[in-house]
C-alpha atoms as a PDB file:
ATOM      1  CA  MET A   1      39.213  13.881  86.195  1.00  0.00           C
ATOM      2  CA  ALA A   2      39.686  13.608  82.422  1.00  0.00           C
ATOM      3  CA  ARG A   3      42.626  11.738  81.177  1.00  0.00           C
ATOM      4  CA  PRO A   4      45.229  13.586  79.065  1.00  0.00           C
ATOM      5  CA  GLY A   5      44.443  13.331  75.318  1.00  0.00           C
ATOM      6  CA  SER A   6      40.863  12.214  75.845  1.00  0.00           C
ATOM      7  CA  SER A   7      39.471  15.520  74.512  1.00  0.00           C
ATOM      8  CA  LYS A   8      41.547  15.213  71.352  1.00  0.00           C
ATOM      9  CA  SER A   9      40.335  11.643  70.846  1.00  0.00           C
ATOM     10  CA  SER A  10      36.736  12.696  71.232  1.00  0.00           C
ATOM     11  CA  SER A  11      37.252  15.540  68.770  1.00  0.00           C
ATOM     12  CA  ARG A  12      38.646  13.171  66.186  1.00  0.00           C
ATOM     13  CA  LYS A  13      35.675  10.842  66.631  1.00  0.00           C
ATOM     14  CA  VAL A  14      33.281  13.721  66.114  1.00  0.00           C
ATOM     15  CA  GLN A  15      35.120  14.769  62.940  1.00  0.00           C
ATOM     16  CA  ARG A  16      35.035  11.225  61.558  1.00  0.00           C
ATOM     17  CA  ALA A  17      31.322  10.971  62.289  1.00  0.00           C
ATOM     18  CA  ALA A  18      30.690  14.277  60.536  1.00  0.00           C
ATOM     19  CA  GLN A  19      32.716  13.185  57.531  1.00  0.00           C
ATOM     20  CA  ALA A  20      30.827   9.896  57.365  1.00  0.00           C
ATOM     21  CA  ALA A  21      27.511  11.709  57.536  1.00  0.00           C
ATOM     22  CA  ALA A  22      28.564  14.111  54.798  1.00  0.00           C
ATOM     23  CA  SER A  23      29.747  11.233  52.637  1.00  0.00           C
ATOM     24  CA  SER A  24      26.441   9.421  53.152  1.00  0.00           C
ATOM     25  CA  ARG A  25      24.447  12.514  52.182  1.00  0.00           C
ATOM     26  CA  GLY A  26      26.560  13.001  49.068  1.00  0.00           C
ATOM     27  CA  SER A  27      26.071   9.384  48.038  1.00  0.00           C
ATOM     28  CA  SER A  28      22.306   9.594  48.552  1.00  0.00           C
ATOM     29  CA  GLU A  29      22.058  12.822  46.599  1.00  0.00           C
ATOM     30  CA  SER A  30      24.128  11.329  43.777  1.00  0.00           C
ATOM     31  CA  ARG A  31      21.819   8.298  43.648  1.00  0.00           C
ATOM     32  CA  ALA A  32      18.756  10.555  43.718  1.00  0.00           C
ATOM     33  CA  LEU A  33      20.064  12.622  40.793  1.00  0.00           C
ATOM     34  CA  GLY A  34      21.460   9.645  38.902  1.00  0.00           C
ATOM     35  CA  PHE A  35      18.166   7.723  38.610  1.00  0.00           C
ATOM     36  CA  PRO A  36      16.168  10.299  36.606  1.00  0.00           C
ATOM     37  CA  ILE A  37      19.217  11.015  34.449  1.00  0.00           C
ATOM     38  CA  THR A  38      19.511   7.297  33.663  1.00  0.00           C
ATOM     39  CA  VAL A  39      15.805   7.026  32.826  1.00  0.00           C
ATOM     40  CA  THR A  40      16.032  10.060  30.556  1.00  0.00           C
ATOM     41  CA  MET A  41      19.032   8.586  28.757  1.00  0.00           C
ATOM     42  CA  VAL A  42      17.185   5.277  28.216  1.00  0.00           C
ATOM     43  CA  VAL A  43      14.134   7.088  26.781  1.00  0.00           C
ATOM     44  CA  ILE A  44      16.259   9.177  24.419  1.00  0.00           C
ATOM     45  CA  LEU A  45      18.167   6.099  23.278  1.00  0.00           C
ATOM     46  CA  GLY A  46      14.909   4.206  22.689  1.00  0.00           C
ATOM     47  CA  LEU A  47      13.448   7.021  20.591  1.00  0.00           C
ATOM     48  CA  ALA A  48      16.651   7.219  18.578  1.00  0.00           C
ATOM     49  CA  LEU A  49      16.520   3.473  17.868  1.00  0.00           C
ATOM     50  CA  VAL A  50      12.870   3.700  16.763  1.00  0.00           C
ATOM     51  CA  PHE A  51      13.705   6.584  14.435  1.00  0.00           C
ATOM     52  CA  VAL A  52      16.631   4.707  12.902  1.00  0.00           C
ATOM     53  CA  ALA A  53      14.500   1.581  12.471  1.00  0.00           C
ATOM     54  CA  ARG A  54      11.794   3.546  10.671  1.00  0.00           C
ATOM     55  CA  GLN A  55      14.326   5.220   8.429  1.00  0.00           C
ATOM     56  CA  ASN A  56      15.867   1.887   7.566  1.00  0.00           C
ATOM     57  CA  ARG A  57      12.445   0.427   6.869  1.00  0.00           C
ATOM     58  CA  ASP A  58      11.459   3.244   4.541  1.00  0.00           C
ATOM     59  CA  VAL A  59      14.776   3.395   2.697  1.00  0.00           C
ATOM     60  CA  GLY A  60      15.776  -0.272   2.685  1.00  0.00           C
ATOM     61  CA  GLY A  61      12.386  -1.992   2.368  1.00  0.00           C
ATOM     62  CA  ALA A  62      11.277  -2.783  -1.161  1.00  0.00           C
ATOM     63  CA  PRO A  63       9.607  -1.149  -2.903  1.00  0.00           C
ATOM     64  CA  ALA A  64      11.551   1.849  -1.632  1.00  0.00           C
ATOM     65  CA  VAL A  65      10.760   5.541  -2.003  1.00  0.00           C
ATOM     66  CA  GLY A  66      12.580   7.023  -4.980  1.00  0.00           C
ATOM     67  CA  ARG A  67      14.284   3.760  -5.885  1.00  0.00           C
ATOM     68  CA  ASP A  68      11.917   1.045  -7.115  1.00  0.00           C
ATOM     69  CA  HIS A  69       9.443   1.136 -10.005  1.00  0.00           C
ATOM     70  CA  TRP A  70       7.400  -2.069 -10.203  1.00  0.00           C
ATOM     71  CA  HIS A  71       4.478  -3.186 -12.357  1.00  0.00           C
ATOM     72  CA  ALA A  72       1.784  -5.808 -11.831  1.00  0.00           C
ATOM     73  CA  ALA A  73      -0.936  -6.904 -14.242  1.00  0.00           C
ATOM     74  CA  TYR A  74      -4.471  -7.279 -12.922  1.00  0.00           C
ATOM     75  CA  THR A  75      -7.905  -8.269 -14.190  1.00  0.00           C
ATOM     76  CA  VAL A  76     -11.320  -8.076 -12.543  1.00  0.00           C
ATOM     77  CA  TYR A  77     -13.657 -11.010 -13.241  1.00  0.00           C
ATOM     78  CA  ASP A  78     -17.352 -11.612 -12.691  1.00  0.00           C
ATOM     79  CA  CYS A  79     -17.840 -15.391 -12.903  1.00  0.00           C
ATOM     80  CA  GLY A  80     -15.188 -15.746 -15.589  1.00  0.00           C
ATOM     81  CA  THR A  81     -16.190 -12.641 -17.533  1.00  0.00           C
ATOM     82  CA  GLU A  82     -13.654  -9.817 -17.610  1.00  0.00           C
ATOM     83  CA  VAL A  83     -15.098  -6.457 -16.586  1.00  0.00           C
ATOM     84  CA  GLN A  84     -13.816  -2.921 -17.108  1.00  0.00           C
ATOM     85  CA  HIS A  85     -10.494  -2.281 -15.362  1.00  0.00           C
ATOM     86  CA  PHE A  86     -10.167   0.691 -13.025  1.00  0.00           C
ATOM     87  CA  MET A  87      -9.966   4.042 -14.805  1.00  0.00           C
ATOM     88  CA  THR A  88      -9.254   6.448 -11.941  1.00  0.00           C
ATOM     89  CA  THR A  89      -6.124   8.596 -12.319  1.00  0.00           C
ATOM     90  CA  THR A  90      -5.755   9.601  -8.659  1.00  0.00           C
ATOM     91  CA  ASP A  91      -2.266   8.911  -7.246  1.00  0.00           C
ATOM     92  CA  PRO A  92      -1.626  10.238  -3.718  1.00  0.00           C
ATOM     93  CA  ASP A  93       1.032   7.750  -2.574  1.00  0.00           C
ATOM     94  CA  GLY A  94       2.610   6.171  -5.653  1.00  0.00           C
ATOM     95  CA  ILE A  95       0.558   2.976  -6.155  1.00  0.00           C
ATOM     96  CA  HIS A  96      -1.841   3.648  -9.012  1.00  0.00           C
ATOM     97  CA  SER A  97      -2.805   2.866 -12.587  1.00  0.00           C
ATOM     98  CA  HIS A  98      -2.652   4.700 -15.891  1.00  0.00           C
ATOM     99  CA  GLN A  99      -6.007   3.292 -17.043  1.00  0.00           C
ATOM    100  CA  ASP A 100      -4.110   0.332 -18.499  1.00  0.00           C
ATOM    101  CA  SER A 101      -4.991  -2.695 -16.291  1.00  0.00           C
ATOM    102  CA  VAL A 102      -1.502  -2.450 -14.761  1.00  0.00           C
ATOM    103  CA  ILE A 103      -0.671  -1.539 -11.164  1.00  0.00           C
ATOM    104  CA  HIS A 104       2.239   0.931 -11.147  1.00  0.00           C
ATOM    105  CA  ILE A 105       4.190   0.806  -7.887  1.00  0.00           C
ATOM    106  CA  HIS A 106       6.772   3.521  -7.228  1.00  0.00           C
ATOM    107  CA  PRO A 107       6.143   4.956  -3.734  1.00  0.00           C
ATOM    108  CA  TYR A 108       6.333   8.667  -2.980  1.00  0.00           C
ATOM    109  CA  ASN A 109       6.255   8.119   0.797  1.00  0.00           C
ATOM    110  CA  SER A 110       6.366   5.479   3.524  1.00  0.00           C
ATOM    111  CA  ALA A 111       2.582   4.967   3.324  1.00  0.00           C
ATOM    112  CA  ALA A 112       3.167   2.972   0.125  1.00  0.00           C
ATOM    113  CA  ALA A 113       6.699   1.623   0.663  1.00  0.00           C
ATOM    114  CA  GLY A 114       8.037  -1.683   1.957  1.00  0.00           C
ATOM    115  CA  SER A 115       5.427  -3.763   3.762  1.00  0.00           C
ATOM    116  CA  SER A 116       2.984  -0.857   3.383  1.00  0.00           C
ATOM    117  CA  ALA A 117       2.856  -1.390  -0.401  1.00  0.00           C
ATOM    118  CA  THR A 118      -0.447  -3.236  -0.320  1.00  0.00           C
ATOM    119  CA  MET A 119      -3.484  -4.015  -2.426  1.00  0.00           C
ATOM    120  CA  GLY A 120      -5.463  -1.861  -0.002  1.00  0.00           C
ATOM    121  CA  VAL A 121      -3.485   1.247  -0.982  1.00  0.00           C
ATOM    122  CA  PHE A 122      -4.159   0.534  -4.656  1.00  0.00           C
ATOM    123  CA  LEU A 123      -7.872  -0.145  -4.174  1.00  0.00           C
ATOM    124  CA  GLU A 124      -8.359   3.004  -2.107  1.00  0.00           C
ATOM    125  CA  THR A 125      -6.581   5.032  -4.784  1.00  0.00           C
ATOM    126  CA  MET A 126      -8.879   3.527  -7.426  1.00  0.00           C
ATOM    127  CA  GLY A 127     -12.009   4.249  -5.379  1.00  0.00           C
ATOM    128  CA  ALA A 128     -12.671   0.503  -5.218  1.00  0.00           C
ATOM    129  CA  GLU A 129     -13.277  -2.034  -2.482  1.00  0.00           C
ATOM    130  CA  VAL A 130     -12.936  -5.808  -2.288  1.00  0.00           C
ATOM    131  CA  THR A 131     -14.569  -7.724   0.560  1.00  0.00           C
ATOM    132  CA  ARG A 132     -15.705 -11.308   1.055  1.00  0.00           C
ATOM    133  CA  GLU A 133     -19.175 -10.218  -0.062  1.00  0.00           C
ATOM    134  CA  ALA A 134     -18.530  -8.043  -3.106  1.00  0.00           C
ATOM    135  CA  ILE A 135     -16.234  -6.208  -5.505  1.00  0.00           C
ATOM    136  CA  THR A 136     -17.169  -2.567  -5.963  1.00  0.00           C
ATOM    137  CA  GLY A 137     -15.707  -0.041  -8.358  1.00  0.00           C
ATOM    138  CA  LEU A 138     -16.622   3.166 -10.114  1.00  0.00           C
ATOM    139  CA  GLU A 139     -16.392   1.504 -13.519  1.00  0.00           C
ATOM    140  CA  PHE A 140     -18.865  -1.372 -13.119  1.00  0.00           C
ATOM    141  CA  ASP A 141     -21.939  -2.503 -11.210  1.00  0.00           C
ATOM    142  CA  ARG A 142     -21.432  -4.064  -7.801  1.00  0.00           C
ATOM    143  CA  ILE A 143     -20.263  -7.674  -8.170  1.00  0.00           C
ATOM    144  CA  ASP A 144     -21.712  -9.497  -5.170  1.00  0.00           C
ATOM    145  CA  THR A 145     -21.750 -13.124  -4.101  1.00  0.00           C
ATOM    146  CA  GLU A 146     -25.502 -13.187  -3.482  1.00  0.00           C
ATOM    147  CA  SER A 147     -26.235 -13.499  -7.195  1.00  0.00           C
ATOM    148  CA  GLY A 148     -23.943 -16.528  -7.450  1.00  0.00           C
ATOM    149  CA  CYS A 149     -22.416 -17.822 -10.681  1.00  0.00           C
ATOM    150  CA  GLY A 150     -25.255 -19.347 -12.635  1.00  0.00           C
ATOM    151  CA  ASP A 151     -26.729 -22.037 -10.402  1.00  0.00           C
ATOM    152  CA  GLN A 152     -23.604 -22.206  -8.217  1.00  0.00           C
ATOM    153  CA  ASP A 153     -22.807 -20.381  -5.011  1.00  0.00           C
ATOM    154  CA  ALA A 154     -20.030 -17.824  -5.413  1.00  0.00           C
ATOM    155  CA  VAL A 155     -17.175 -16.345  -3.376  1.00  0.00           C
ATOM    156  CA  ILE A 156     -14.739 -13.465  -3.808  1.00  0.00           C
ATOM    157  CA  LYS A 157     -11.067 -14.354  -4.176  1.00  0.00           C
ATOM    158  CA  ILE A 158      -7.831 -12.722  -5.287  1.00  0.00           C
ATOM    159  CA  GLY A 159      -5.214 -14.853  -6.998  1.00  0.00           C
ATOM    160  CA  ARG A 160      -1.527 -13.963  -7.095  1.00  0.00           C
ATOM    161  CA  TYR A 161       0.261 -15.188 -10.215  1.00  0.00           C
ATOM    162  CA  GLN A 162       3.929 -15.236 -11.049  1.00  0.00           C
ATOM    163  CA  VAL A 163       4.699 -14.198 -14.605  1.00  0.00           C
ATOM    164  CA  ASP A 164       8.251 -15.318 -15.258  1.00  0.00           C
ATOM    165  CA  PRO A 165       9.394 -17.798 -16.474  1.00  0.00           C
ATOM    166  CA  GLN A 166       5.759 -18.865 -16.936  1.00  0.00           C
ATOM    167  CA  VAL A 167       2.339 -17.825 -15.670  1.00  0.00           C
ATOM    168  CA  GLU A 168       1.607 -19.818 -12.529  1.00  0.00           C
ATOM    169  CA  LEU A 169      -0.812 -19.408  -9.618  1.00  0.00           C
ATOM    170  CA  VAL A 170       1.220 -19.035  -6.412  1.00  0.00           C
ATOM    171  CA  ALA A 171      -1.351 -17.903  -3.825  1.00  0.00           C
ATOM    172  CA  VAL A 172      -5.113 -17.528  -3.376  1.00  0.00           C
ATOM    173  CA  TYR A 173      -6.674 -15.136  -0.859  1.00  0.00           C
ATOM    174  CA  ASP A 174     -10.278 -15.306   0.327  1.00  0.00           C
ATOM    175  CA  ALA A 175     -10.102 -12.647   3.071  1.00  0.00           C
ATOM    176  CA  ASP A 176      -8.046  -9.646   4.260  1.00  0.00           C
ATOM    177  CA  PHE A 177      -7.616  -8.502   0.665  1.00  0.00           C
ATOM    178  CA  ASP A 178      -6.341  -5.054   1.661  1.00  0.00           C
ATOM    179  CA  SER A 179      -3.379  -6.677   3.433  1.00  0.00           C
ATOM    180  CA  ILE A 180      -1.981  -8.377   0.318  1.00  0.00           C
ATOM    181  CA  VAL A 181       1.557  -7.014  -0.087  1.00  0.00           C
ATOM    182  CA  PHE A 182       3.250  -6.397  -3.435  1.00  0.00           C
ATOM    183  CA  VAL A 183       6.541  -8.261  -3.139  1.00  0.00           C
ATOM    184  CA  SER A 184       8.279  -7.936  -6.510  1.00  0.00           C
ATOM    185  CA  ASP A 185       8.218  -6.496  -9.984  1.00  0.00           C
ATOM    186  CA  ARG A 186       6.151  -8.236 -12.693  1.00  0.00           C
ATOM    187  CA  GLU A 187       3.499  -9.959 -10.621  1.00  0.00           C
ATOM    188  CA  ALA A 188      -0.120 -10.510 -11.713  1.00  0.00           C
ATOM    189  CA  PHE A 189      -3.420 -10.542  -9.840  1.00  0.00           C
ATOM    190  CA  SER A 190      -6.961 -11.698 -10.533  1.00  0.00           C
ATOM    191  CA  ILE A 191      -9.711 -10.001  -8.527  1.00  0.00           C
ATOM    192  CA  ALA A 192     -12.598 -12.344  -9.079  1.00  0.00           C
ATOM    193  CA  LYS A 193     -16.005 -13.649  -8.167  1.00  0.00           C
ATOM    194  CA  VAL A 194     -15.823 -17.384  -8.781  1.00  0.00           C
ATOM    195  CA  PRO A 195     -17.896 -20.478  -7.993  1.00  0.00           C
ATOM    196  CA  VAL A 196     -17.173 -21.988  -4.592  1.00  0.00           C
ATOM    197  CA  GLY A 197     -14.178 -24.313  -4.834  1.00  0.00           C
ATOM    198  CA  GLU A 198     -12.675 -22.694  -7.930  1.00  0.00           C
ATOM    199  CA  ASP A 199      -9.504 -20.610  -8.149  1.00  0.00           C
ATOM    200  CA  PRO A 200      -9.395 -17.197  -9.811  1.00  0.00           C
ATOM    201  CA  PRO A 201      -8.496 -17.476 -13.513  1.00  0.00           C
ATOM    202  CA  PRO A 202      -5.234 -15.931 -14.738  1.00  0.00           C
ATOM    203  CA  PRO A 203      -5.316 -12.256 -15.726  1.00  0.00           C
ATOM    204  CA  SER A 204      -6.351 -11.658 -19.317  1.00  0.00           C
ATOM    205  CA  ALA A 205      -3.969 -11.707 -22.278  1.00  0.00           C
ATOM    206  CA  ARG A 206      -4.637  -7.990 -22.680  1.00  0.00           C
ATOM    207  CA  SER A 207      -3.409  -7.337 -19.133  1.00  0.00           C
ATOM    208  CA  PHE A 208      -0.223  -9.291 -19.758  1.00  0.00           C
ATOM    209  CA  SER A 209       0.320  -7.385 -22.982  1.00  0.00           C
ATOM    210  CA  GLN A 210      -0.008  -4.109 -21.100  1.00  0.00           C
ATOM    211  CA  LEU A 211       2.395  -5.391 -18.440  1.00  0.00           C
ATOM    212  CA  ASP A 212       5.015  -6.172 -21.080  1.00  0.00           C
ATOM    213  CA  ALA A 213       4.530  -2.733 -22.623  1.00  0.00           C
ATOM    214  CA  SER A 214       4.919  -1.007 -19.240  1.00  0.00           C
ATOM    215  CA  THR A 215       7.985  -2.914 -18.057  1.00  0.00           C
ATOM    216  CA  GLY A 216      11.026  -0.732 -18.615  1.00  0.00           C
ATOM    217  CA  SER A 217       8.963   2.107 -20.041  1.00  0.00           C
ATOM    218  CA  ASP A 218       9.464   5.770 -19.197  1.00  0.00           C
ATOM    219  CA  LEU A 219       5.828   6.141 -18.068  1.00  0.00           C
ATOM    220  CA  ILE A 220       6.559   7.353 -14.528  1.00  0.00           C
ATOM    221  CA  SER A 221       4.441   9.735 -12.518  1.00  0.00           C
ATOM    222  CA  THR A 222       6.522  12.585 -11.151  1.00  0.00           C
ATOM    223  CA  GLY A 223       4.475  13.260  -8.036  1.00  0.00           C
ATOM    224  CA  PRO A 224       1.173  12.796  -6.222  1.00  0.00           C
ATOM    225  CA  VAL A 225      -2.044  13.431  -8.134  1.00  0.00           C
ATOM    226  CA  GLY A 226      -5.149  14.468  -6.237  1.00  0.00           C
ATOM    227  CA  SER A 227      -8.697  13.276  -6.693  1.00  0.00           C
ATOM    228  CA  SER A 228     -10.026  13.542 -10.205  1.00  0.00           C
ATOM    229  CA  GLU A 229     -13.228  12.725 -11.973  1.00  0.00           C
ATOM    230  CA  VAL A 230     -13.333   9.351 -13.641  1.00  0.00           C
ATOM    231  CA  GLU A 231     -13.910   9.677 -17.340  1.00  0.00           C
ATOM    232  CA  ILE A 232     -15.059   6.395 -18.815  1.00  0.00           C
ATOM    233  CA  PRO A 233     -15.712   6.257 -22.569  1.00  0.00           C
ATOM    234  CA  VAL A 234     -19.312   5.334 -23.333  1.00  0.00           C
ATOM    235  CA  GLU A 235     -21.115   4.684 -26.566  1.00  0.00           C
ATOM    236  CA  VAL A 236     -23.657   7.407 -27.273  1.00  0.00           C
ATOM    237  CA  GLU A 237     -26.782   6.341 -29.156  1.00  0.00           C
ATOM    238  CA  ILE A 238     -28.036   9.049 -31.492  1.00  0.00           C
ATOM    239  CA  PRO A 239     -31.721   8.832 -32.536  1.00  0.00           C
ATOM    240  CA  VAL A 240     -32.035   8.086 -36.238  1.00  0.00           C
ATOM    241  CA  ASP A 241     -34.346  11.037 -36.834  1.00  0.00           C
ATOM    242  CA  GLU A 242     -31.637  13.385 -35.574  1.00  0.00           C
ATOM    243  CA  VAL A 243     -28.938  12.113 -37.896  1.00  0.00           C
ATOM    244  CA  GLU A 244     -28.286  14.354 -40.862  1.00  0.00           C
ATOM    245  CA  ILE A 245     -27.420  12.335 -43.937  1.00  0.00           C
ATOM    246  CA  PRO A 246     -25.761  14.420 -46.645  1.00  0.00           C
ATOM    247  CA  VAL A 247     -27.696  14.357 -49.922  1.00  0.00           C
ATOM    248  CA  GLU A 248     -25.669  14.677 -53.085  1.00  0.00           C
ATOM    249  CA  GLU A 249     -27.095  17.252 -55.454  1.00  0.00           C
ATOM    250  CA  PRO A 250     -27.667  15.922 -59.008  1.00  0.00           C
ATOM    251  CA  SER A 251     -25.070  17.151 -61.452  1.00  0.00           C
ATOM    252  CA  GLU A 252     -25.739  18.490 -64.973  1.00  0.00           C
ATOM    253  CA  ALA A 253     -24.220  15.323 -66.406  1.00  0.00           C
ATOM    254  CA  ASP A 254     -26.894  13.276 -64.679  1.00  0.00           C
ATOM    255  CA  ASP A 255     -29.590  15.349 -66.392  1.00  0.00           C
ATOM    256  CA  GLU A 256     -28.238  14.686 -69.863  1.00  0.00           C
END
């Protein structure tokens, strides 16, 4: 025989069990939904941080797009002899030359800004290449180490020179030339084949003169320039038998 109130007690136990089960299901469902939401939030936050970092790099890193306008003198040497500087007028990214033995650095985009402002960008723009074996350019014959310097073995090096307050060699590179970063205005570089054990000579006086003329000038490219043909002045030899020499007609006074 059931005791009085036992049915009510059992009913309350059943209700509590049901409530506990419902609470457990709700907690599990919340955890199940919360995990992917959390992961999504982390991914979005990470992408946002990467975007901000890139923006800061492009805008704050020097040389910056639309802000900095630097110049660097340069000379190409073949065993101490200066050769023709690069004459190409292409300018896709903002590191280029105006056929003046000066590197003009004012980036149009992030490909040439900050730590991406490198010698490699300039050389590619000029249609040139510098490796441990040779210097190649459109303006001169291939300068390779195999031919040496006289009776001495030769190597390819690039020297970085400071200009102010005096010309002084501050770094020499014998590999990874494309990775050399432009770090300030008014630098100077020698791209040279030299005897083993020797440093690249300073850029020529002509290059420094051009650097001084370019510093503070209003010679600024306004935008990217596509590929163009290189026009290099050459001396044309005219056969003597094709030259017309004017002959002065005798005057009446001469006949008297």
